[in-house]
N, C-alpha and C. Protein backbone atom coordinates (compact mmCIF):
# COMPACT_ATOMS: atom_id res chain seq x y z
N UNK A 1 6.82 -3.76 24.37
CA UNK A 1 5.94 -4.07 23.25
C UNK A 1 4.53 -4.34 23.79
N UNK A 2 3.54 -3.70 23.21
CA UNK A 2 2.17 -3.87 23.65
C UNK A 2 1.60 -5.23 23.26
N UNK A 3 0.57 -5.65 23.95
CA UNK A 3 -0.01 -6.96 23.70
C UNK A 3 -0.45 -7.12 22.24
N UNK A 4 -1.15 -6.10 21.72
CA UNK A 4 -1.62 -6.19 20.30
C UNK A 4 -0.43 -6.40 19.36
N UNK A 5 0.66 -5.65 19.61
CA UNK A 5 1.86 -5.80 18.76
C UNK A 5 2.44 -7.20 18.89
N UNK A 6 2.49 -7.74 20.09
CA UNK A 6 3.00 -9.11 20.28
C UNK A 6 2.14 -10.13 19.57
N UNK A 7 0.81 -9.98 19.64
CA UNK A 7 -0.09 -10.91 18.98
C UNK A 7 0.08 -10.82 17.47
N UNK A 8 0.25 -9.56 16.95
CA UNK A 8 0.42 -9.38 15.54
C UNK A 8 1.74 -10.02 15.09
N UNK A 9 2.80 -9.82 15.88
CA UNK A 9 4.11 -10.41 15.54
C UNK A 9 3.99 -11.94 15.55
N UNK A 10 3.29 -12.50 16.57
CA UNK A 10 3.13 -13.95 16.61
C UNK A 10 2.39 -14.40 15.35
N UNK A 11 1.39 -13.62 14.94
CA UNK A 11 0.64 -13.95 13.72
C UNK A 11 1.51 -14.04 12.49
N UNK A 12 2.44 -13.08 12.39
CA UNK A 12 3.36 -13.09 11.24
C UNK A 12 4.19 -14.38 11.20
N UNK A 13 4.72 -14.75 12.37
CA UNK A 13 5.53 -15.98 12.44
C UNK A 13 4.69 -17.22 12.20
N UNK A 14 3.51 -17.30 12.82
CA UNK A 14 2.68 -18.50 12.75
C UNK A 14 2.13 -18.74 11.35
N UNK A 15 1.82 -17.66 10.65
CA UNK A 15 1.20 -17.82 9.31
C UNK A 15 2.20 -18.01 8.20
N UNK A 16 3.46 -17.70 8.49
CA UNK A 16 4.47 -17.93 7.49
C UNK A 16 4.14 -17.35 6.13
N UNK A 17 4.09 -18.17 5.09
CA UNK A 17 3.92 -17.71 3.74
C UNK A 17 2.49 -17.75 3.24
N UNK A 18 1.52 -18.02 4.08
CA UNK A 18 0.18 -18.23 3.55
C UNK A 18 -0.71 -16.99 3.50
N UNK A 19 -0.50 -16.05 4.38
CA UNK A 19 -1.35 -14.86 4.38
C UNK A 19 -1.83 -14.56 5.77
N UNK A 20 -2.39 -13.36 5.94
CA UNK A 20 -2.84 -12.97 7.24
C UNK A 20 -3.87 -11.85 7.15
N UNK A 21 -4.53 -11.57 8.22
CA UNK A 21 -5.37 -10.41 8.37
C UNK A 21 -4.64 -9.46 9.28
N UNK A 22 -4.38 -8.29 8.83
CA UNK A 22 -3.61 -7.31 9.58
C UNK A 22 -4.58 -6.48 10.41
N UNK A 23 -4.40 -6.47 11.73
CA UNK A 23 -5.28 -5.73 12.61
C UNK A 23 -4.88 -4.26 12.69
N UNK A 24 -5.83 -3.35 12.56
CA UNK A 24 -5.55 -1.94 12.64
C UNK A 24 -6.68 -1.30 13.42
N UNK A 25 -6.38 -0.50 14.44
CA UNK A 25 -7.42 -0.01 15.32
C UNK A 25 -8.45 0.91 14.66
N UNK A 26 -8.07 1.69 13.64
CA UNK A 26 -9.01 2.65 13.04
C UNK A 26 -9.85 2.10 11.93
N UNK A 27 -9.34 1.14 11.21
CA UNK A 27 -10.04 0.61 10.05
C UNK A 27 -9.81 -0.90 9.97
N UNK A 28 -10.69 -1.58 9.33
CA UNK A 28 -10.54 -3.00 9.13
C UNK A 28 -9.68 -3.23 7.89
N UNK A 29 -8.42 -3.58 8.13
CA UNK A 29 -7.46 -3.78 7.04
C UNK A 29 -7.15 -5.27 6.94
N UNK A 30 -7.25 -5.81 5.75
CA UNK A 30 -6.83 -7.18 5.53
C UNK A 30 -5.71 -7.21 4.48
N UNK A 31 -4.71 -8.07 4.70
CA UNK A 31 -3.63 -8.19 3.76
C UNK A 31 -3.36 -9.69 3.58
N UNK A 32 -3.41 -10.13 2.35
CA UNK A 32 -3.17 -11.54 2.05
C UNK A 32 -2.05 -11.63 1.02
N UNK A 33 -1.10 -12.53 1.28
CA UNK A 33 0.02 -12.71 0.36
C UNK A 33 0.12 -14.17 0.00
N UNK A 34 0.38 -14.44 -1.28
CA UNK A 34 0.49 -15.81 -1.75
C UNK A 34 1.68 -15.91 -2.70
N UNK A 35 2.52 -16.94 -2.51
CA UNK A 35 3.65 -17.17 -3.39
C UNK A 35 3.16 -17.60 -4.77
N UNK A 36 3.73 -16.99 -5.82
CA UNK A 36 3.43 -17.32 -7.21
C UNK A 36 4.76 -17.50 -7.92
N UNK A 37 5.26 -18.72 -7.95
CA UNK A 37 6.58 -19.00 -8.48
C UNK A 37 7.59 -18.15 -7.75
N UNK A 38 8.36 -17.31 -8.47
CA UNK A 38 9.38 -16.48 -7.81
C UNK A 38 8.79 -15.14 -7.32
N UNK A 39 7.51 -14.91 -7.57
CA UNK A 39 6.88 -13.66 -7.19
C UNK A 39 5.93 -13.88 -6.02
N UNK A 40 5.38 -12.77 -5.52
CA UNK A 40 4.41 -12.79 -4.43
C UNK A 40 3.17 -11.96 -4.88
N UNK A 41 2.03 -12.54 -4.80
CA UNK A 41 0.79 -11.81 -5.09
C UNK A 41 0.27 -11.29 -3.75
N UNK A 42 0.04 -9.97 -3.67
CA UNK A 42 -0.41 -9.37 -2.42
C UNK A 42 -1.67 -8.56 -2.68
N UNK A 43 -2.67 -8.72 -1.81
CA UNK A 43 -3.86 -7.91 -1.85
C UNK A 43 -4.12 -7.33 -0.49
N UNK A 44 -4.25 -6.01 -0.43
CA UNK A 44 -4.55 -5.27 0.79
C UNK A 44 -5.89 -4.57 0.58
N UNK A 45 -6.74 -4.63 1.59
CA UNK A 45 -8.08 -4.09 1.47
C UNK A 45 -8.49 -3.39 2.77
N UNK A 46 -9.17 -2.27 2.64
CA UNK A 46 -9.70 -1.55 3.81
C UNK A 46 -10.99 -0.84 3.42
N UNK A 47 -11.86 -0.69 4.38
CA UNK A 47 -13.03 0.17 4.25
C UNK A 47 -12.80 1.36 5.16
N UNK A 48 -12.78 2.56 4.55
CA UNK A 48 -12.47 3.76 5.32
C UNK A 48 -13.63 4.73 5.23
N UNK A 49 -13.80 5.52 6.30
CA UNK A 49 -14.82 6.55 6.31
C UNK A 49 -14.21 7.84 5.77
N UNK A 50 -14.17 7.88 4.44
CA UNK A 50 -13.59 9.04 3.75
C UNK A 50 -14.12 9.04 2.33
N UNK A 51 -14.35 10.24 1.76
CA UNK A 51 -14.83 10.28 0.38
C UNK A 51 -13.73 9.92 -0.61
N UNK A 52 -14.13 9.48 -1.78
CA UNK A 52 -13.16 9.07 -2.84
C UNK A 52 -12.22 10.22 -3.19
N UNK A 53 -12.73 11.46 -3.19
CA UNK A 53 -11.88 12.64 -3.52
C UNK A 53 -10.73 12.77 -2.57
N UNK A 54 -10.98 12.59 -1.27
CA UNK A 54 -9.90 12.69 -0.27
C UNK A 54 -8.91 11.55 -0.41
N UNK A 55 -9.41 10.35 -0.64
CA UNK A 55 -8.52 9.19 -0.85
C UNK A 55 -7.66 9.44 -2.07
N UNK A 56 -8.25 9.94 -3.12
CA UNK A 56 -7.50 10.21 -4.35
C UNK A 56 -6.39 11.23 -4.07
N UNK A 57 -6.72 12.30 -3.38
CA UNK A 57 -5.72 13.31 -3.06
C UNK A 57 -4.55 12.71 -2.25
N UNK A 58 -4.85 11.81 -1.35
CA UNK A 58 -3.80 11.19 -0.55
C UNK A 58 -2.94 10.26 -1.40
N UNK A 59 -3.57 9.42 -2.21
CA UNK A 59 -2.85 8.49 -3.06
C UNK A 59 -1.92 9.21 -4.02
N UNK A 60 -2.35 10.35 -4.54
CA UNK A 60 -1.59 11.06 -5.55
C UNK A 60 -0.68 12.17 -4.97
N UNK A 61 -0.50 12.15 -3.67
CA UNK A 61 0.41 13.12 -3.02
C UNK A 61 1.82 12.54 -3.09
N UNK A 62 2.27 12.25 -4.31
CA UNK A 62 3.49 11.48 -4.55
C UNK A 62 4.73 12.09 -3.87
N UNK A 63 4.88 13.40 -3.93
CA UNK A 63 6.08 14.04 -3.39
C UNK A 63 6.15 13.95 -1.86
N UNK A 64 5.02 13.65 -1.17
CA UNK A 64 5.00 13.61 0.27
C UNK A 64 4.77 12.21 0.85
N UNK A 65 4.77 11.20 0.02
CA UNK A 65 4.50 9.83 0.48
C UNK A 65 5.47 9.40 1.59
N UNK A 66 6.69 9.85 1.53
CA UNK A 66 7.67 9.46 2.55
C UNK A 66 7.31 9.95 3.95
N UNK A 67 6.42 10.94 4.05
CA UNK A 67 6.01 11.45 5.35
C UNK A 67 5.05 10.56 6.07
N UNK A 68 4.28 9.73 5.31
CA UNK A 68 3.28 8.92 5.97
C UNK A 68 3.22 7.46 5.53
N UNK A 69 4.06 7.08 4.58
CA UNK A 69 4.07 5.67 4.16
C UNK A 69 5.39 5.05 4.62
N UNK A 70 5.32 4.15 5.60
CA UNK A 70 6.55 3.49 6.08
C UNK A 70 7.26 2.76 4.94
N UNK A 71 8.58 2.80 4.98
CA UNK A 71 9.37 2.09 3.97
C UNK A 71 9.66 2.90 2.75
N UNK A 72 9.05 4.07 2.58
CA UNK A 72 9.37 4.94 1.46
C UNK A 72 10.22 6.09 1.99
N UNK A 73 11.47 6.14 1.52
CA UNK A 73 12.38 7.20 1.97
C UNK A 73 12.26 8.41 1.09
N UNK A 74 11.98 8.21 -0.22
CA UNK A 74 11.77 9.32 -1.12
C UNK A 74 10.88 8.92 -2.27
N UNK A 75 10.13 9.87 -2.77
CA UNK A 75 9.21 9.65 -3.88
C UNK A 75 9.12 10.93 -4.67
N UNK A 76 9.29 10.83 -6.00
CA UNK A 76 9.20 12.04 -6.80
C UNK A 76 8.67 11.72 -8.18
N UNK A 77 7.92 12.68 -8.73
CA UNK A 77 7.42 12.56 -10.08
C UNK A 77 8.51 13.00 -11.03
N UNK A 78 8.94 12.10 -11.91
CA UNK A 78 9.99 12.38 -12.88
C UNK A 78 9.38 13.11 -14.09
N UNK A 79 8.21 12.64 -14.52
CA UNK A 79 7.54 13.27 -15.67
C UNK A 79 6.02 12.96 -15.58
N UNK A 80 5.26 13.85 -16.23
CA UNK A 80 3.80 13.68 -16.28
C UNK A 80 3.32 14.14 -17.62
N UNK A 81 2.46 13.28 -18.26
CA UNK A 81 1.78 13.65 -19.51
C UNK A 81 0.33 13.22 -19.31
N UNK A 82 -0.51 14.16 -18.89
CA UNK A 82 -1.91 13.85 -18.61
C UNK A 82 -2.01 12.89 -17.43
N UNK A 83 -2.59 11.71 -17.69
CA UNK A 83 -2.78 10.72 -16.64
C UNK A 83 -1.63 9.69 -16.59
N UNK A 84 -0.59 9.91 -17.41
CA UNK A 84 0.54 9.01 -17.44
C UNK A 84 1.72 9.67 -16.69
N UNK A 85 2.27 8.96 -15.69
CA UNK A 85 3.36 9.53 -14.90
C UNK A 85 4.50 8.55 -14.85
N UNK A 86 5.69 9.08 -14.63
CA UNK A 86 6.89 8.27 -14.28
C UNK A 86 7.25 8.73 -12.88
N UNK A 87 7.36 7.77 -11.96
CA UNK A 87 7.63 8.05 -10.55
C UNK A 87 8.84 7.27 -10.11
N UNK A 88 9.73 7.95 -9.42
CA UNK A 88 10.91 7.28 -8.84
C UNK A 88 10.76 7.21 -7.34
N UNK A 89 10.93 6.01 -6.79
CA UNK A 89 10.82 5.82 -5.35
C UNK A 89 12.01 5.04 -4.82
N UNK A 90 12.39 5.39 -3.59
CA UNK A 90 13.47 4.66 -2.87
C UNK A 90 12.98 4.39 -1.47
N UNK A 91 13.42 3.26 -0.96
CA UNK A 91 13.02 2.89 0.38
C UNK A 91 13.58 1.52 0.71
N UNK A 92 12.79 0.77 1.48
CA UNK A 92 13.24 -0.55 1.84
C UNK A 92 12.16 -1.35 2.53
N UNK A 93 12.37 -2.63 2.55
CA UNK A 93 11.49 -3.55 3.24
C UNK A 93 12.29 -4.27 4.31
N UNK A 94 11.67 -4.49 5.46
CA UNK A 94 12.38 -5.14 6.59
C UNK A 94 11.53 -6.29 7.12
N UNK A 95 12.19 -7.34 7.52
CA UNK A 95 11.54 -8.48 8.16
C UNK A 95 12.58 -9.09 9.11
N UNK A 96 12.25 -9.09 10.41
CA UNK A 96 13.15 -9.61 11.43
C UNK A 96 14.50 -8.96 11.30
N UNK A 97 15.57 -9.76 11.05
CA UNK A 97 16.94 -9.27 10.89
C UNK A 97 17.26 -8.93 9.46
N UNK A 98 16.31 -9.17 8.53
CA UNK A 98 16.59 -9.04 7.10
C UNK A 98 16.05 -7.73 6.57
N UNK A 99 16.85 -7.03 5.75
CA UNK A 99 16.34 -5.82 5.09
C UNK A 99 16.65 -5.90 3.59
N UNK A 100 15.79 -5.32 2.82
CA UNK A 100 15.91 -5.35 1.36
C UNK A 100 15.71 -3.93 0.85
N UNK A 101 16.77 -3.27 0.36
CA UNK A 101 16.58 -1.92 -0.15
C UNK A 101 15.76 -1.96 -1.45
N UNK A 102 14.95 -0.97 -1.66
CA UNK A 102 14.12 -0.94 -2.89
C UNK A 102 14.33 0.39 -3.59
N UNK A 103 14.69 0.30 -4.87
CA UNK A 103 14.84 1.47 -5.74
C UNK A 103 14.13 1.16 -7.01
N UNK A 104 13.08 1.92 -7.32
CA UNK A 104 12.28 1.61 -8.51
C UNK A 104 11.90 2.91 -9.27
N UNK A 105 11.69 2.72 -10.56
CA UNK A 105 11.07 3.73 -11.43
C UNK A 105 9.80 3.08 -11.97
N UNK A 106 8.68 3.71 -11.76
CA UNK A 106 7.40 3.15 -12.08
C UNK A 106 6.66 3.96 -13.13
N UNK A 107 5.98 3.28 -14.04
CA UNK A 107 5.02 3.93 -14.92
C UNK A 107 3.68 3.85 -14.21
N UNK A 108 3.02 4.99 -14.09
CA UNK A 108 1.74 5.04 -13.38
C UNK A 108 0.67 5.64 -14.31
N UNK A 109 -0.49 4.97 -14.29
CA UNK A 109 -1.62 5.46 -15.07
C UNK A 109 -2.75 5.77 -14.09
N UNK A 110 -3.14 7.04 -14.06
CA UNK A 110 -4.20 7.48 -13.15
C UNK A 110 -5.57 7.39 -13.79
N UNK A 111 -6.50 6.93 -13.03
CA UNK A 111 -7.94 7.00 -13.40
C UNK A 111 -8.60 7.77 -12.24
N UNK A 112 -8.70 9.09 -12.34
CA UNK A 112 -9.13 9.94 -11.22
C UNK A 112 -10.36 9.41 -10.49
N UNK A 113 -10.22 9.33 -9.17
CA UNK A 113 -11.26 8.91 -8.22
C UNK A 113 -11.66 7.45 -8.37
N UNK A 114 -10.98 6.69 -9.27
CA UNK A 114 -11.26 5.26 -9.45
C UNK A 114 -10.09 4.39 -9.12
N UNK A 115 -8.89 4.78 -9.54
CA UNK A 115 -7.74 3.93 -9.27
C UNK A 115 -6.47 4.39 -9.94
N UNK A 116 -5.41 3.67 -9.65
CA UNK A 116 -4.06 3.92 -10.21
C UNK A 116 -3.46 2.59 -10.56
N UNK A 117 -2.88 2.47 -11.76
CA UNK A 117 -2.18 1.25 -12.15
C UNK A 117 -0.68 1.58 -12.23
N UNK A 118 0.12 0.66 -11.73
CA UNK A 118 1.57 0.86 -11.76
C UNK A 118 2.29 -0.34 -12.41
N UNK A 119 3.39 -0.04 -13.08
CA UNK A 119 4.18 -1.08 -13.72
C UNK A 119 5.66 -0.67 -13.61
N UNK A 120 6.47 -1.63 -13.22
CA UNK A 120 7.90 -1.39 -13.05
C UNK A 120 8.56 -1.13 -14.40
N UNK A 121 9.33 -0.05 -14.45
CA UNK A 121 10.17 0.26 -15.64
C UNK A 121 11.59 -0.19 -15.40
N UNK A 122 12.12 0.15 -14.22
CA UNK A 122 13.45 -0.27 -13.85
C UNK A 122 13.63 -0.21 -12.34
N UNK A 123 14.68 -0.85 -11.89
CA UNK A 123 14.94 -0.88 -10.45
C UNK A 123 15.47 -2.21 -10.01
N UNK A 124 15.52 -2.41 -8.69
CA UNK A 124 16.07 -3.67 -8.18
C UNK A 124 14.99 -4.67 -7.79
N UNK A 125 13.84 -4.55 -8.40
CA UNK A 125 12.82 -5.61 -8.39
C UNK A 125 12.77 -6.16 -9.81
N UNK A 126 12.48 -7.43 -9.91
CA UNK A 126 12.36 -8.05 -11.22
C UNK A 126 10.97 -7.72 -11.81
N UNK A 127 9.98 -7.61 -10.91
CA UNK A 127 8.62 -7.38 -11.38
C UNK A 127 7.82 -6.63 -10.30
N UNK A 128 7.01 -5.69 -10.74
CA UNK A 128 6.05 -4.99 -9.88
C UNK A 128 4.91 -4.52 -10.80
N UNK A 129 3.82 -5.21 -10.74
CA UNK A 129 2.62 -4.84 -11.48
C UNK A 129 1.46 -4.84 -10.50
N UNK A 130 0.75 -3.72 -10.44
CA UNK A 130 -0.35 -3.65 -9.50
C UNK A 130 -1.10 -2.35 -9.57
N UNK A 131 -1.82 -2.07 -8.50
CA UNK A 131 -2.51 -0.78 -8.47
C UNK A 131 -3.55 -0.68 -7.36
N UNK A 132 -4.08 0.51 -7.24
CA UNK A 132 -5.12 0.84 -6.26
C UNK A 132 -6.47 0.90 -6.96
N UNK A 133 -7.50 0.52 -6.24
CA UNK A 133 -8.90 0.65 -6.71
C UNK A 133 -9.68 1.35 -5.60
N UNK A 134 -10.44 2.34 -5.97
CA UNK A 134 -11.28 3.15 -5.04
C UNK A 134 -12.74 2.88 -5.39
N UNK A 135 -13.52 2.41 -4.43
CA UNK A 135 -14.92 2.08 -4.69
C UNK A 135 -15.81 2.68 -3.59
N UNK A 136 -16.49 3.81 -3.88
CA UNK A 136 -17.41 4.41 -2.91
C UNK A 136 -18.56 3.46 -2.61
N UNK A 137 -19.04 3.47 -1.37
CA UNK A 137 -20.18 2.63 -0.94
C UNK A 137 -21.34 3.52 -0.59
N UNK A 138 -22.57 2.99 -0.68
CA UNK A 138 -23.78 3.79 -0.40
C UNK A 138 -23.79 4.39 1.00
N UNK A 139 -23.14 3.77 1.97
CA UNK A 139 -23.19 4.27 3.34
C UNK A 139 -22.21 5.46 3.60
N UNK A 140 -21.53 5.88 2.55
CA UNK A 140 -20.60 7.02 2.69
C UNK A 140 -19.14 6.58 2.90
N UNK A 141 -18.93 5.32 3.16
CA UNK A 141 -17.55 4.83 3.31
C UNK A 141 -17.01 4.50 1.92
N UNK A 142 -15.74 4.17 1.88
CA UNK A 142 -15.11 3.85 0.59
C UNK A 142 -14.23 2.61 0.75
N UNK A 143 -14.30 1.72 -0.18
CA UNK A 143 -13.39 0.56 -0.19
C UNK A 143 -12.12 0.94 -0.94
N UNK A 144 -10.99 0.66 -0.32
CA UNK A 144 -9.70 0.92 -0.92
C UNK A 144 -8.95 -0.42 -1.01
N UNK A 145 -8.50 -0.79 -2.18
CA UNK A 145 -7.80 -2.05 -2.41
C UNK A 145 -6.52 -1.79 -3.17
N UNK A 146 -5.45 -2.41 -2.71
CA UNK A 146 -4.23 -2.49 -3.48
C UNK A 146 -3.97 -3.96 -3.79
N UNK A 147 -3.71 -4.26 -5.03
CA UNK A 147 -3.35 -5.64 -5.37
C UNK A 147 -2.21 -5.60 -6.42
N UNK A 148 -1.31 -6.54 -6.29
CA UNK A 148 -0.22 -6.57 -7.20
C UNK A 148 0.64 -7.80 -7.11
N UNK A 149 1.52 -7.92 -8.06
CA UNK A 149 2.48 -9.04 -8.11
C UNK A 149 3.88 -8.44 -8.04
N UNK A 150 4.66 -8.91 -7.07
CA UNK A 150 5.97 -8.38 -6.80
C UNK A 150 6.99 -9.50 -6.81
N UNK A 151 8.10 -9.27 -7.54
CA UNK A 151 9.17 -10.25 -7.57
C UNK A 151 10.50 -9.56 -7.31
N UNK A 152 11.15 -9.89 -6.21
CA UNK A 152 12.48 -9.29 -5.91
C UNK A 152 13.49 -9.74 -6.95
N UNK A 153 14.47 -8.89 -7.19
CA UNK A 153 15.54 -9.21 -8.14
C UNK A 153 16.42 -10.32 -7.55
N UNK A 154 16.68 -10.24 -6.25
CA UNK A 154 17.50 -11.24 -5.57
C UNK A 154 16.64 -12.44 -5.19
N UNK A 155 17.00 -13.63 -5.61
CA UNK A 155 16.24 -14.81 -5.23
C UNK A 155 16.24 -15.00 -3.71
N UNK A 156 15.09 -15.21 -3.13
CA UNK A 156 14.93 -15.39 -1.68
C UNK A 156 14.12 -16.66 -1.45
N UNK A 157 14.32 -17.33 -0.35
CA UNK A 157 13.48 -18.46 0.01
C UNK A 157 12.02 -18.02 0.05
N UNK A 158 11.11 -18.88 -0.35
CA UNK A 158 9.69 -18.51 -0.45
C UNK A 158 9.13 -17.96 0.81
N UNK A 159 9.42 -18.56 1.97
CA UNK A 159 8.79 -18.08 3.20
C UNK A 159 9.33 -16.70 3.55
N UNK A 160 10.60 -16.36 3.28
CA UNK A 160 11.12 -15.03 3.54
C UNK A 160 10.53 -14.04 2.52
N UNK A 161 10.55 -14.41 1.25
CA UNK A 161 10.05 -13.53 0.19
C UNK A 161 8.59 -13.12 0.44
N UNK A 162 7.76 -14.13 0.74
CA UNK A 162 6.31 -13.86 0.93
C UNK A 162 6.08 -13.08 2.21
N UNK A 163 6.73 -13.42 3.30
CA UNK A 163 6.54 -12.68 4.53
C UNK A 163 7.08 -11.28 4.42
N UNK A 164 8.20 -11.08 3.75
CA UNK A 164 8.81 -9.77 3.55
C UNK A 164 7.87 -8.86 2.78
N UNK A 165 7.34 -9.35 1.66
CA UNK A 165 6.46 -8.52 0.82
C UNK A 165 5.16 -8.25 1.54
N UNK A 166 4.61 -9.26 2.21
CA UNK A 166 3.34 -9.07 2.93
C UNK A 166 3.50 -8.04 4.04
N UNK A 167 4.58 -8.17 4.82
CA UNK A 167 4.82 -7.22 5.91
C UNK A 167 5.02 -5.82 5.38
N UNK A 168 5.79 -5.68 4.32
CA UNK A 168 6.06 -4.37 3.74
C UNK A 168 4.79 -3.71 3.22
N UNK A 169 3.98 -4.46 2.46
CA UNK A 169 2.75 -3.88 1.91
C UNK A 169 1.75 -3.59 3.05
N UNK A 170 1.67 -4.45 4.06
CA UNK A 170 0.78 -4.23 5.19
C UNK A 170 1.15 -2.93 5.90
N UNK A 171 2.44 -2.75 6.16
CA UNK A 171 2.90 -1.52 6.86
C UNK A 171 2.60 -0.29 6.01
N UNK A 172 2.92 -0.37 4.72
CA UNK A 172 2.70 0.78 3.83
C UNK A 172 1.20 1.10 3.71
N UNK A 173 0.41 0.05 3.54
CA UNK A 173 -1.03 0.24 3.36
C UNK A 173 -1.67 0.85 4.65
N UNK A 174 -1.22 0.33 5.81
CA UNK A 174 -1.74 0.85 7.09
C UNK A 174 -1.32 2.31 7.27
N UNK A 175 -0.10 2.68 6.85
CA UNK A 175 0.33 4.07 6.95
C UNK A 175 -0.51 4.96 6.06
N UNK A 176 -0.83 4.47 4.87
CA UNK A 176 -1.70 5.22 3.96
C UNK A 176 -3.10 5.41 4.54
N UNK A 177 -3.65 4.35 5.12
CA UNK A 177 -4.97 4.42 5.72
C UNK A 177 -4.99 5.39 6.88
N UNK A 178 -3.95 5.35 7.72
CA UNK A 178 -3.85 6.28 8.85
C UNK A 178 -3.85 7.74 8.35
N UNK A 179 -3.13 8.00 7.26
CA UNK A 179 -3.09 9.36 6.72
C UNK A 179 -4.45 9.77 6.14
N UNK A 180 -5.12 8.84 5.49
CA UNK A 180 -6.47 9.11 4.96
C UNK A 180 -7.40 9.47 6.10
N UNK A 181 -7.35 8.66 7.18
CA UNK A 181 -8.19 8.92 8.38
C UNK A 181 -7.86 10.27 9.01
N UNK A 182 -6.56 10.60 9.10
CA UNK A 182 -6.13 11.89 9.66
C UNK A 182 -6.69 13.03 8.84
N UNK A 183 -6.59 12.91 7.50
CA UNK A 183 -7.10 13.96 6.62
C UNK A 183 -8.61 14.03 6.66
N UNK A 184 -9.24 12.87 6.81
CA UNK A 184 -10.72 12.84 6.86
C UNK A 184 -11.25 13.62 8.08
N UNK A 185 -10.49 13.55 9.20
CA UNK A 185 -10.87 14.32 10.39
C UNK A 185 -10.83 15.84 10.13
N UNK A 186 -10.02 16.26 9.19
CA UNK A 186 -9.91 17.66 8.85
C UNK A 186 -10.76 18.09 7.65
N UNK A 187 -11.30 17.10 6.97
CA UNK A 187 -12.04 17.33 5.73
C UNK A 187 -13.34 18.10 6.03
N UNK A 188 -13.69 19.13 5.27
CA UNK A 188 -14.92 19.87 5.54
C UNK A 188 -16.15 18.95 5.38
N UNK A 189 -16.99 18.94 6.41
CA UNK A 189 -18.18 18.12 6.38
C UNK A 189 -19.31 18.91 5.72
N UNK A 190 -20.13 18.25 4.91
CA UNK A 190 -21.29 18.91 4.34
C UNK A 190 -22.39 19.00 5.39
N UNK A 191 -22.93 20.17 5.48
CA UNK A 191 -24.00 20.34 6.46
C UNK A 191 -25.29 19.80 5.92
N UNK A 192 -26.20 19.43 6.81
CA UNK A 192 -27.48 18.84 6.39
C UNK A 192 -28.25 19.82 5.54
N UNK A 193 -28.12 21.14 5.74
CA UNK A 193 -28.88 22.13 4.98
C UNK A 193 -28.30 22.25 3.56
N UNK A 194 -27.03 21.88 3.35
CA UNK A 194 -26.43 22.02 2.01
C UNK A 194 -26.79 20.84 1.12
N UNK A 195 -27.34 19.76 1.67
CA UNK A 195 -27.64 18.60 0.86
C UNK A 195 -28.96 18.70 0.19
């Protein structure tokens, strides 16, 4: 295990249920989790060097999320009517020796190049309300934020529930950011003469 990984792991244990800043070599990613009764409120934020259009294409690549988002084993669009989608996802969350399988059907509302809102329709979570927000910045970078409220169906001790959800969202968000950065390296750059 590399030193950065050991320090990150120590950070997860030391911070328990209060929140943390997740270190990522390519982008500045922060993830904060807070217990809210039986649910966990999680906010993940990153500033990436990629245009909103590319970020949007990555976020809405639903059928291929399992290729680059850890913890998602399968993802498929069940139905689509304009900007309203029904998406089925399967996967799991892991923390130390504990694993929690996740099977959900989500209602998703797209706001192209601005964000996506999701709401749990059915599955083995009691609650999942959240979404992504995309905010271009004047310097050419883009702020990407995911925030949501998640409540497992199975009651878990607060420190496990919060750490589990924080770790899961941090891993998934970092995987998404890595894929955005990979695609950004391949994205056609505008030449100075074209501007």
